[in-house]
Protein backbone atom coordinates (compact mmCIF):
# COMPACT_ATOMS: atom_id res chain seq x y z
CA MET A 1 25.97 -14.70 -9.66
CA HIS A 2 23.66 -15.22 -6.68
CA TYR A 3 20.80 -12.79 -6.21
CA LEU A 4 19.18 -12.83 -2.77
CA ILE A 5 15.77 -11.21 -2.30
CA ILE A 6 14.49 -10.68 1.24
CA GLY A 7 10.73 -10.21 1.14
CA GLY A 8 8.06 -12.12 -0.73
CA CYS A 9 5.53 -9.62 -2.02
CA ALA A 10 5.12 -7.22 -4.96
CA ALA A 11 8.64 -5.77 -4.86
CA GLY A 12 10.40 -9.10 -4.41
CA LEU A 13 8.42 -10.84 -7.12
CA ASN A 14 8.90 -8.04 -9.64
CA CYS A 15 12.60 -7.99 -8.84
CA ILE A 16 12.74 -11.55 -10.18
CA GLU A 17 11.13 -10.35 -13.42
CA GLY A 18 13.70 -7.57 -13.72
CA ILE A 19 16.65 -9.88 -13.09
CA ARG A 20 15.43 -12.52 -15.51
CA LYS A 21 14.98 -9.92 -18.26
CA ILE A 22 18.77 -9.58 -18.34
CA ASP A 23 20.19 -12.61 -16.54
CA LYS A 24 18.46 -15.86 -17.52
CA LYS A 25 20.71 -18.20 -15.57
CA GLY A 26 21.86 -16.44 -12.38
CA GLU A 27 20.85 -18.11 -9.14
CA ILE A 28 17.96 -16.38 -7.36
CA THR A 29 16.81 -17.01 -3.80
CA LEU A 30 13.65 -15.40 -2.44
CA VAL A 31 13.10 -15.45 1.34
CA SER A 32 9.70 -14.63 2.86
CA ALA A 33 8.98 -14.23 6.56
CA GLU A 34 5.46 -15.50 5.94
CA LYS A 35 4.80 -19.19 5.39
CA PHE A 36 2.98 -18.46 2.15
CA PRO A 37 4.40 -17.80 -1.32
CA PRO A 38 4.02 -14.22 -2.59
CA TYR A 39 0.39 -13.08 -2.58
CA ALA A 40 -1.67 -9.93 -3.11
CA ARG A 41 -2.21 -8.22 0.23
CA CYS A 42 -4.81 -5.97 -1.37
CA LEU A 43 -7.07 -9.01 -1.82
CA ILE A 44 -7.30 -10.11 1.81
CA THR A 45 -10.48 -8.03 2.14
CA ASP A 46 -12.06 -10.20 -0.55
CA TYR A 47 -10.73 -13.31 1.19
CA LEU A 48 -12.32 -12.22 4.45
CA ILE A 49 -15.64 -11.49 2.74
CA GLY A 50 -15.53 -14.86 1.00
CA THR A 51 -15.43 -13.82 -2.67
CA HIS A 52 -11.83 -15.09 -3.02
CA LYS A 53 -10.27 -18.32 -1.83
CA GLU A 54 -6.74 -18.50 -0.45
CA GLU A 55 -5.33 -19.82 -3.71
CA ASP A 56 -6.85 -16.84 -5.54
CA LEU A 57 -4.52 -14.52 -3.63
CA TYR A 58 -1.26 -16.05 -4.84
CA LEU A 59 0.54 -13.94 -7.43
CA ARG A 60 2.06 -16.86 -9.32
CA GLU A 61 1.34 -20.53 -9.83
CA LYS A 62 3.57 -22.90 -7.88
CA SER A 63 5.16 -24.03 -11.16
CA TYR A 64 6.40 -20.48 -11.83
CA TYR A 65 9.17 -20.77 -9.22
CA GLU A 66 10.34 -24.04 -10.72
CA LYS A 67 10.27 -22.75 -14.30
CA THR A 68 12.21 -19.60 -13.44
CA GLU A 69 14.59 -21.58 -11.19
CA ILE A 70 13.86 -19.69 -7.98
CA ASN A 71 14.91 -21.01 -4.58
CA LEU A 72 11.83 -20.13 -2.54
CA ILE A 73 12.23 -20.08 1.25
CA VAL A 74 9.09 -19.31 3.28
CA GLY A 75 8.54 -18.92 7.01
CA GLU A 76 12.04 -17.49 7.62
CA ARG A 77 12.77 -13.93 8.71
CA ALA A 78 16.03 -12.07 8.06
CA GLU A 79 17.65 -11.37 11.42
CA GLU A 80 20.96 -9.82 10.41
CA ILE A 81 22.90 -8.65 7.37
CA ASN A 82 26.67 -8.89 7.38
CA ILE A 83 27.81 -6.47 4.69
CA ASN A 84 31.52 -7.28 4.94
CA ASN A 85 30.98 -11.01 4.41
CA LYS A 86 27.98 -10.52 2.07
CA LYS A 87 25.67 -12.83 3.96
CA VAL A 88 22.23 -12.78 5.56
CA ILE A 89 21.40 -14.70 8.73
CA LEU A 90 17.84 -16.04 8.92
CA SER A 91 15.66 -16.60 11.99
CA GLY A 92 16.23 -20.36 11.80
CA GLY A 93 19.99 -19.86 11.96
CA LYS A 94 20.71 -20.49 8.29
CA GLU A 95 23.28 -18.22 6.63
CA ILE A 96 22.94 -17.30 2.95
CA LEU A 97 25.74 -15.75 0.93
CA TYR A 98 24.88 -13.30 -1.84
CA ASP A 99 26.45 -11.34 -4.67
CA LYS A 100 23.55 -8.91 -5.05
CA LEU A 101 20.92 -8.30 -2.35
CA LEU A 102 17.44 -6.76 -2.44
CA ILE A 103 15.80 -5.64 0.81
CA ALA A 104 12.05 -5.82 0.28
CA THR A 105 10.90 -6.56 3.82
CA GLY A 106 7.85 -4.28 3.62
CA ALA A 107 6.20 -2.78 6.67
CA SER A 108 4.42 -3.88 9.85
CA PRO A 109 1.27 -2.50 11.50
CA LYS A 110 1.71 -0.03 14.34
CA LYS A 111 0.58 -1.07 17.80
CA LEU A 112 -2.61 0.24 19.35
CA GLY A 113 -0.80 1.60 22.40
CA SER A 114 -3.67 0.93 24.81
CA LYS A 115 -3.91 -1.24 27.93
CA GLY A 116 -5.07 -4.76 27.16
CA GLU A 117 -4.16 -4.71 23.47
CA THR A 118 -2.66 -8.22 23.67
CA LYS A 119 -5.99 -9.80 24.58
CA LYS A 120 -7.41 -12.46 22.28
CA GLY A 121 -9.65 -10.87 19.69
CA ILE A 122 -7.35 -7.95 18.74
CA PHE A 123 -6.00 -8.15 15.20
CA SER A 124 -4.05 -6.23 12.60
CA PHE A 125 -5.21 -6.51 9.00
CA ARG A 126 -2.23 -6.98 6.73
CA THR A 127 -1.58 -10.69 6.21
CA ILE A 128 -3.40 -13.89 5.34
CA GLU A 129 -2.80 -15.02 8.91
CA ASP A 130 -4.56 -11.89 10.18
CA ALA A 131 -7.52 -12.59 7.91
CA LYS A 132 -7.66 -16.25 8.98
CA GLY A 133 -7.72 -15.26 12.64
CA ILE A 134 -10.42 -12.63 12.09
CA LEU A 135 -12.46 -15.08 10.05
CA GLU A 136 -12.37 -17.69 12.80
CA ARG A 137 -13.17 -15.14 15.51
CA SER A 138 -16.07 -13.71 13.52
CA LYS A 139 -17.91 -17.04 13.70
CA LYS A 140 -18.80 -16.37 17.34
CA ALA A 141 -18.72 -12.57 17.41
CA LYS A 142 -21.54 -10.09 17.10
CA LYS A 143 -19.68 -6.80 16.92
CA ALA A 144 -16.31 -5.50 15.76
CA VAL A 145 -14.64 -2.19 16.49
CA VAL A 146 -11.98 -0.69 14.23
CA PHE A 147 -9.35 1.52 15.84
CA GLY A 148 -8.29 4.13 13.32
CA GLY A 149 -9.96 5.62 10.28
CA GLY A 150 -7.33 4.69 7.69
CA LEU A 151 -7.99 2.72 4.54
CA ILE A 152 -6.82 -0.64 5.92
CA GLY A 153 -9.04 -0.43 8.99
CA ILE A 154 -12.06 0.67 6.97
CA LYS A 155 -11.50 -2.22 4.55
CA ALA A 156 -11.52 -4.67 7.45
CA GLY A 157 -14.64 -3.08 8.92
CA TYR A 158 -16.35 -3.18 5.55
CA ALA A 159 -15.53 -6.88 5.13
CA LEU A 160 -16.90 -7.73 8.59
CA LYS A 161 -20.07 -5.73 7.92
CA LYS A 162 -20.53 -7.71 4.69
CA LYS A 163 -20.26 -10.86 6.80
CA GLY A 164 -23.14 -9.67 8.97
CA LEU A 165 -21.37 -8.25 12.02
CA GLU A 166 -22.15 -4.93 13.62
CA VAL A 167 -19.20 -2.60 12.99
CA GLU A 168 -18.11 0.61 14.69
CA ILE A 169 -15.08 2.67 13.65
CA ILE A 170 -13.30 4.66 16.38
CA VAL A 171 -11.23 7.57 15.05
CA LYS A 172 -9.13 9.88 17.19
CA SER A 173 -8.83 12.54 14.47
CA PRO A 174 -11.82 14.66 13.37
CA GLN A 175 -12.20 12.81 10.03
CA ILE A 176 -11.69 9.41 8.48
CA LEU A 177 -8.92 8.85 5.92
CA SER A 178 -7.21 12.02 7.16
CA ARG A 179 -3.85 11.09 5.61
CA VAL A 180 -5.08 10.27 2.14
CA ILE A 181 -7.99 12.56 1.19
CA ASN A 182 -9.36 16.02 1.89
CA LYS A 183 -12.14 16.90 4.34
CA GLU A 184 -14.90 17.22 1.72
CA ALA A 185 -14.16 13.80 0.24
CA ALA A 186 -13.96 12.27 3.72
CA GLU A 187 -17.43 13.59 4.56
CA ILE A 188 -18.87 11.94 1.45
CA ILE A 189 -17.33 8.56 2.32
CA PHE A 190 -18.34 8.99 5.98
CA ASN A 191 -21.98 9.45 4.98
CA TRP A 192 -21.85 6.56 2.53
CA LEU A 193 -20.45 4.15 5.12
CA GLU A 194 -23.00 5.21 7.73
CA ASN A 195 -25.83 4.90 5.21
CA ASN A 196 -24.68 1.31 4.71
CA GLY A 197 -24.75 0.48 8.40
CA ILE A 198 -21.21 1.18 9.65
CA LYS A 199 -21.15 3.47 12.68
CA ILE A 200 -18.28 5.96 12.79
CA ARG A 201 -17.22 7.94 15.82
CA THR A 202 -14.56 10.67 15.53
CA GLY A 203 -12.64 12.55 18.22
CA VAL A 204 -12.34 9.59 20.60
CA ALA A 205 -9.69 6.95 21.25
CA PRO A 206 -9.42 3.63 23.13
CA ARG A 207 -8.14 3.77 26.70
CA GLU A 208 -8.35 0.07 27.55
CA ILE A 209 -9.42 -3.21 25.98
CA THR A 210 -11.69 -4.92 28.47
CA GLY A 211 -12.14 -8.62 29.15
CA ASN A 212 -10.45 -11.41 31.07
CA GLY A 213 -7.95 -12.75 28.54
CA GLU A 214 -10.41 -12.29 25.69
CA MET A 215 -11.75 -9.00 24.39
CA THR A 216 -15.29 -8.21 25.51
CA GLY A 217 -15.25 -4.49 24.77
CA VAL A 218 -13.31 -1.25 24.83
CA LEU A 219 -13.24 1.63 27.29
CA LEU A 220 -12.94 4.94 25.45
CA ASP A 221 -11.11 8.03 26.63
CA ASN A 222 -14.44 9.81 27.14
CA GLY A 223 -15.41 7.20 29.74
CA GLU A 224 -17.85 5.31 27.54
CA LYS A 225 -17.69 1.54 27.15
CA VAL A 226 -18.42 -0.22 23.85
CA ASN A 227 -19.13 -3.95 23.86
CA ALA A 228 -17.34 -5.86 21.07
CA GLN A 229 -15.66 -9.21 20.51
CA ILE A 230 -13.29 -8.24 17.69
CA GLY A 231 -10.89 -5.30 17.53
CA ILE A 232 -9.07 -4.31 14.34
CA VAL A 233 -6.02 -2.06 14.71
CA GLY A 234 -5.69 0.25 11.70
CA LYS A 235 -3.17 2.81 12.94
CA GLY A 236 -0.84 2.72 9.94
CA VAL A 237 2.43 0.89 9.32
CA SER A 238 6.16 1.31 9.86
CA SER A 239 8.91 0.05 7.54
CA ASN A 240 10.62 -3.16 8.67
CA THR A 241 14.15 -1.87 9.24
CA SER A 242 14.99 -2.87 12.83
CA PHE A 243 17.19 -5.79 11.73
CA LEU A 244 19.30 -3.32 9.71
CA GLU A 245 20.21 -0.94 12.54
CA ASN A 246 23.79 -2.14 12.91
CA SER A 247 24.37 -3.12 9.30
CA GLY A 248 25.85 0.14 8.02
CA ILE A 249 22.92 0.61 5.65
CA GLU A 250 21.58 4.18 5.80
CA LEU A 251 18.14 4.40 7.38
CA HIS A 252 15.59 7.16 7.94
CA TRP A 253 11.84 6.50 7.68
CA GLY A 254 12.87 3.51 5.61
CA VAL A 255 15.97 2.32 3.75
CA MET A 256 17.52 5.23 1.84
CA VAL A 257 18.13 4.55 -1.85
CA ASN A 258 19.38 6.49 -4.88
CA GLU A 259 17.79 6.81 -8.33
CA PHE A 260 18.93 3.26 -9.16
CA LEU A 261 17.34 1.96 -5.91
CA GLN A 262 20.77 1.18 -4.54
CA THR A 263 21.57 1.76 -0.87
CA ASN A 264 24.75 3.38 0.41
CA GLN A 265 26.25 -0.13 0.45
CA GLU A 266 27.58 -1.63 -2.76
CA ASN A 267 25.49 -4.48 -4.22
CA VAL A 268 22.60 -3.84 -1.80
CA TYR A 269 19.28 -2.50 -3.09
CA ALA A 270 15.86 -1.82 -1.55
CA ALA A 271 12.31 -1.62 -2.91
CA GLY A 272 8.69 -1.55 -1.78
CA ASP A 273 7.25 -0.38 1.52
CA VAL A 274 10.67 -0.50 3.18
CA ALA A 275 12.34 1.82 0.65
CA GLU A 276 12.55 5.58 1.05
CA THR A 277 12.48 7.05 -2.44
CA LYS A 278 12.11 10.45 -4.06
CA ASP A 279 8.52 11.66 -4.27
CA LEU A 280 7.81 12.37 -7.93
CA ILE A 281 5.84 15.53 -7.12
CA THR A 282 7.77 17.20 -4.29
CA GLY A 283 11.25 15.82 -4.91
CA GLU A 284 11.53 15.02 -1.20
CA TYR A 285 12.39 11.54 0.07
CA THR A 286 9.59 9.55 1.67
CA VAL A 287 8.02 6.09 1.88
CA ASN A 288 5.08 5.92 -0.51
CA ALA A 289 3.68 2.53 0.44
CA LEU A 290 1.64 1.64 -2.62
CA TRP A 291 1.31 -1.58 -4.61
CA MET A 292 2.19 -0.02 -7.96
CA ASN A 293 5.26 1.68 -6.46
CA ALA A 294 6.47 -1.63 -5.06
CA GLN A 295 6.01 -3.32 -8.43
CA GLU A 296 7.88 -0.63 -10.30
CA GLN A 297 10.67 -0.37 -7.74
CA GLY A 298 11.17 -4.12 -7.56
CA TYR A 299 11.39 -4.45 -11.33
CA THR A 300 13.78 -1.50 -11.63
CA ALA A 301 15.99 -2.82 -8.84
CA GLY A 302 16.10 -6.23 -10.52
CA ILE A 303 17.23 -4.70 -13.82
CA ASN A 304 20.02 -2.80 -12.04
CA MET A 305 21.09 -5.75 -9.92
CA ALA A 306 21.58 -7.72 -13.14
CA GLY A 307 23.81 -5.03 -14.63
CA GLY A 308 21.35 -2.59 -16.16
CA GLU A 309 21.20 1.16 -15.56
CA LYS A 310 17.49 1.86 -15.23
CA ILE A 311 16.58 5.06 -13.40
CA TYR A 312 13.61 5.07 -11.06
CA PRO A 313 11.90 8.45 -11.60
CA GLY A 314 10.19 8.59 -8.21
CA SER A 315 7.19 7.34 -6.29
CA ILE A 316 3.64 8.62 -6.01
CA GLY A 317 1.24 8.25 -3.11
CA GLY A 318 -2.17 6.83 -3.87
CA ASN A 319 -5.01 4.62 -2.72
CA SER A 320 -7.96 2.81 -4.24
CA ALA A 321 -10.91 0.99 -2.70
CA GLU A 322 -14.58 0.19 -3.14
CA PHE A 323 -17.14 0.12 -0.34
CA PHE A 324 -20.70 -1.11 -0.92
CA GLY A 325 -20.35 -0.43 -4.63
CA LEU A 326 -18.82 3.05 -4.30
CA PRO A 327 -15.33 3.24 -5.88
CA ILE A 328 -12.75 5.66 -4.45
CA ILE A 329 -9.33 6.60 -5.81
CA SER A 330 -6.86 9.19 -4.54
CA PHE A 331 -3.45 9.93 -6.02
CA GLY A 332 -0.62 12.36 -5.45
CA HIS A 333 -0.92 15.30 -3.07
CA VAL A 334 -4.60 16.00 -2.51
CA ARG A 335 -4.45 17.99 0.73
CA GLU A 336 -2.01 20.71 -0.36
CA LYS A 337 -3.19 24.22 0.54
CA GLU A 338 -0.33 26.56 -0.34
CA ASN A 339 0.48 27.77 -3.87
CA VAL A 340 -2.06 25.45 -5.46
CA GLU A 341 -5.20 25.69 -7.55
CA VAL A 342 -8.11 23.40 -6.69
CA ILE A 343 -10.84 22.32 -9.10
CA GLU A 344 -13.83 20.41 -7.72
CA THR A 345 -16.96 18.97 -9.28
CA HIS A 346 -20.07 17.37 -7.74
CA GLU A 347 -21.99 15.56 -10.47
CA LYS A 348 -24.54 14.11 -8.03
CA ASP A 349 -24.73 12.63 -4.52
CA PHE A 350 -21.67 10.47 -3.80
CA THR A 351 -19.97 11.45 -7.07
CA TYR A 352 -17.10 13.85 -6.54
CA LYS A 353 -13.85 14.90 -8.20
CA ARG A 354 -11.07 17.04 -6.81
CA PHE A 355 -7.95 18.07 -8.72
CA VAL A 356 -4.99 19.91 -7.22
CA LEU A 357 -2.66 21.81 -9.55
CA ARG A 358 0.56 23.73 -9.13
CA ASP A 359 2.04 25.76 -11.98
CA ASP A 360 -0.70 24.39 -14.27
CA LYS A 361 0.38 20.80 -13.65
CA LEU A 362 -1.69 18.17 -11.87
CA ILE A 363 -0.15 17.14 -8.54
CA GLY A 364 -3.05 15.21 -6.99
CA GLY A 365 -6.64 14.16 -7.23
CA VAL A 366 -9.59 12.40 -5.58
CA LEU A 367 -12.25 10.51 -7.52
CA ILE A 368 -15.40 9.17 -5.86
CA GLY A 369 -18.12 7.35 -7.76
CA ASN A 370 -16.77 7.97 -11.26
CA VAL A 371 -13.19 6.69 -11.43
CA GLU A 372 -13.00 5.45 -15.02
CA ASN A 373 -10.37 7.97 -16.14
CA ALA A 374 -8.05 7.48 -13.15
CA GLY A 375 -5.24 6.07 -15.29
CA PHE A 376 -5.39 9.08 -17.59
CA TYR A 377 -5.17 11.55 -14.69
CA MET A 378 -2.26 9.56 -13.27
CA ALA A 379 -0.48 9.83 -16.61
CA LEU A 380 -0.96 13.60 -16.66
CA MET A 381 0.54 13.83 -13.19
CA ARG A 382 3.40 11.36 -13.63
CA ASN A 383 4.56 13.03 -16.82
CA LYS A 384 4.04 16.56 -15.48
CA ILE A 385 1.97 17.65 -18.46
CA ASN A 386 1.15 21.38 -18.62
CA ILE A 387 -2.63 21.60 -18.95
CA LYS A 388 -3.01 25.35 -18.58
CA ASN A 389 -5.51 25.63 -21.44
CA TYR A 390 -7.53 22.57 -20.39
CA LYS A 391 -7.50 22.50 -16.60
CA ASN A 392 -11.06 23.80 -16.27
CA LEU A 393 -12.22 20.76 -18.24
CA LEU A 394 -10.67 18.21 -15.84
CA GLY A 395 -13.97 17.36 -14.19
CA GLU A 396 -15.93 16.93 -17.42
CA LYS A 397 -17.13 13.40 -18.15
CA TRP A 398 -15.65 13.48 -21.65
CA PHE A 399 -12.19 14.67 -20.54
CA ASN A 400 -10.13 11.58 -21.33
CA TYR A 401 -7.28 10.42 -23.51
CA GLY A 402 -9.46 9.75 -26.53
CA GLU A 403 -10.66 13.33 -26.66
CA MET A 404 -7.28 14.90 -25.83
CA LYS A 405 -5.15 12.58 -27.98
CA GLU A 406 -3.86 15.07 -30.54
CA ILE A 407 -2.94 17.62 -27.88
CA LEU A 408 -1.22 15.31 -25.46
CA GLU A 409 0.52 12.73 -27.64
CA SER A 410 3.05 15.36 -28.63
CA GLU A 411 4.35 15.33 -25.05
CA GLU A 412 7.43 13.11 -24.87
CA GLY A 413 6.98 10.06 -22.68
CA PHE A 414 3.23 10.42 -22.30
CA ARG A 415 2.46 7.17 -24.08
CA GLU A 416 3.41 5.07 -21.06
CA SER A 417 2.08 5.32 -17.51
CA VAL A 418 0.86 3.20 -14.62
CA SER A 419 -2.70 2.87 -13.37
CA PRO A 420 -3.59 3.07 -9.65
CA ASP A 421 -3.75 -0.73 -9.42
CA GLY A 422 -0.21 -1.03 -10.75
CA LYS A 423 -0.91 -2.05 -14.34
CA LYS A 424 1.12 -0.46 -17.11
CA ILE A 425 -0.83 1.68 -19.55
CA PHE A 426 0.31 2.37 -23.09
CA PHE A 427 -1.56 5.20 -24.77
CA LYS A 428 -1.57 4.67 -28.53
């Protein structure tokens, strides 16, 4: 049996773990478009700041691939999948036959869409190569502008501010983090970032990147010009599915999969940021691009590829970050307005909690400042625990598993959950 995994990140690596749990001897090949072995994308901010070295980002020691007998191919991109002949054609021309295939090609940053965006000095912020380029450019730069107020862009801006650059965030929408948190939470983070020296401007967008070959600034759509030597594009990502368009594999926002993470094609599975799975809260299919989802999906797909029958219950949206010592976590559906109940608490400046409930069950939350019980709240949500008699206590400091143990342990399946950073939690 030959298992072929296309994509070398959280989903691909965890797929190996799932396969090896059942099949100890089957041949496994992992192909990564990047020239690096699988690494933690979420740590490139720390790499840019300088608190982590490149080797600190790698998810496994080099010896791991030898011990688990993995054929690791890096620097090769999948160009075509031939379903009938069960083979994948790589960018270098090599053809690889498979018995079982996992598509874990992730996502790519969206383009800026402005004149001059190909000038030297414009970067995305998703890969080690991006971070290396930004790091080199920052040595002779004084100011950076971030286009977009999403989490990735803000992380890049935060890292550059920590390195001593002047940073300005340009946001077309009226608030930062508009896709992941509510307006009140965004205002708190906005004020915190500005208090720590990051300038944020909302309601404007770039019209043109100025400079002769190299970026020297940006012309905004209000006619104003901002001088800067680095531009970070943080406009979101799109699933990497273009090479699948003529394959016969069903596509939508991403690769469509069933509850076993199998595509509409036999022996072909998908996981991670490229997979369109059922949202655990709404039941609708979407791409919830989150590290813990990719881990769980990859592992589940690996089990099923090796002959198991493990059901993937569904994905959850979520984000976590820390800026200048202020931790932030959001999970589930935090911006719902219809048929929901909202509970908010403000313990003090820059400490905020928001919980969104429907039918007395938690469907989303935002934690700023005090995030220590995030895993517990995630468990309540993932397991759809009815907390009708306790919902008004959600924001209390003491509301955690230890205090609620006797009430909640009776709920079947509550003992196991996943924290926002992807680690499994066993409540005992």
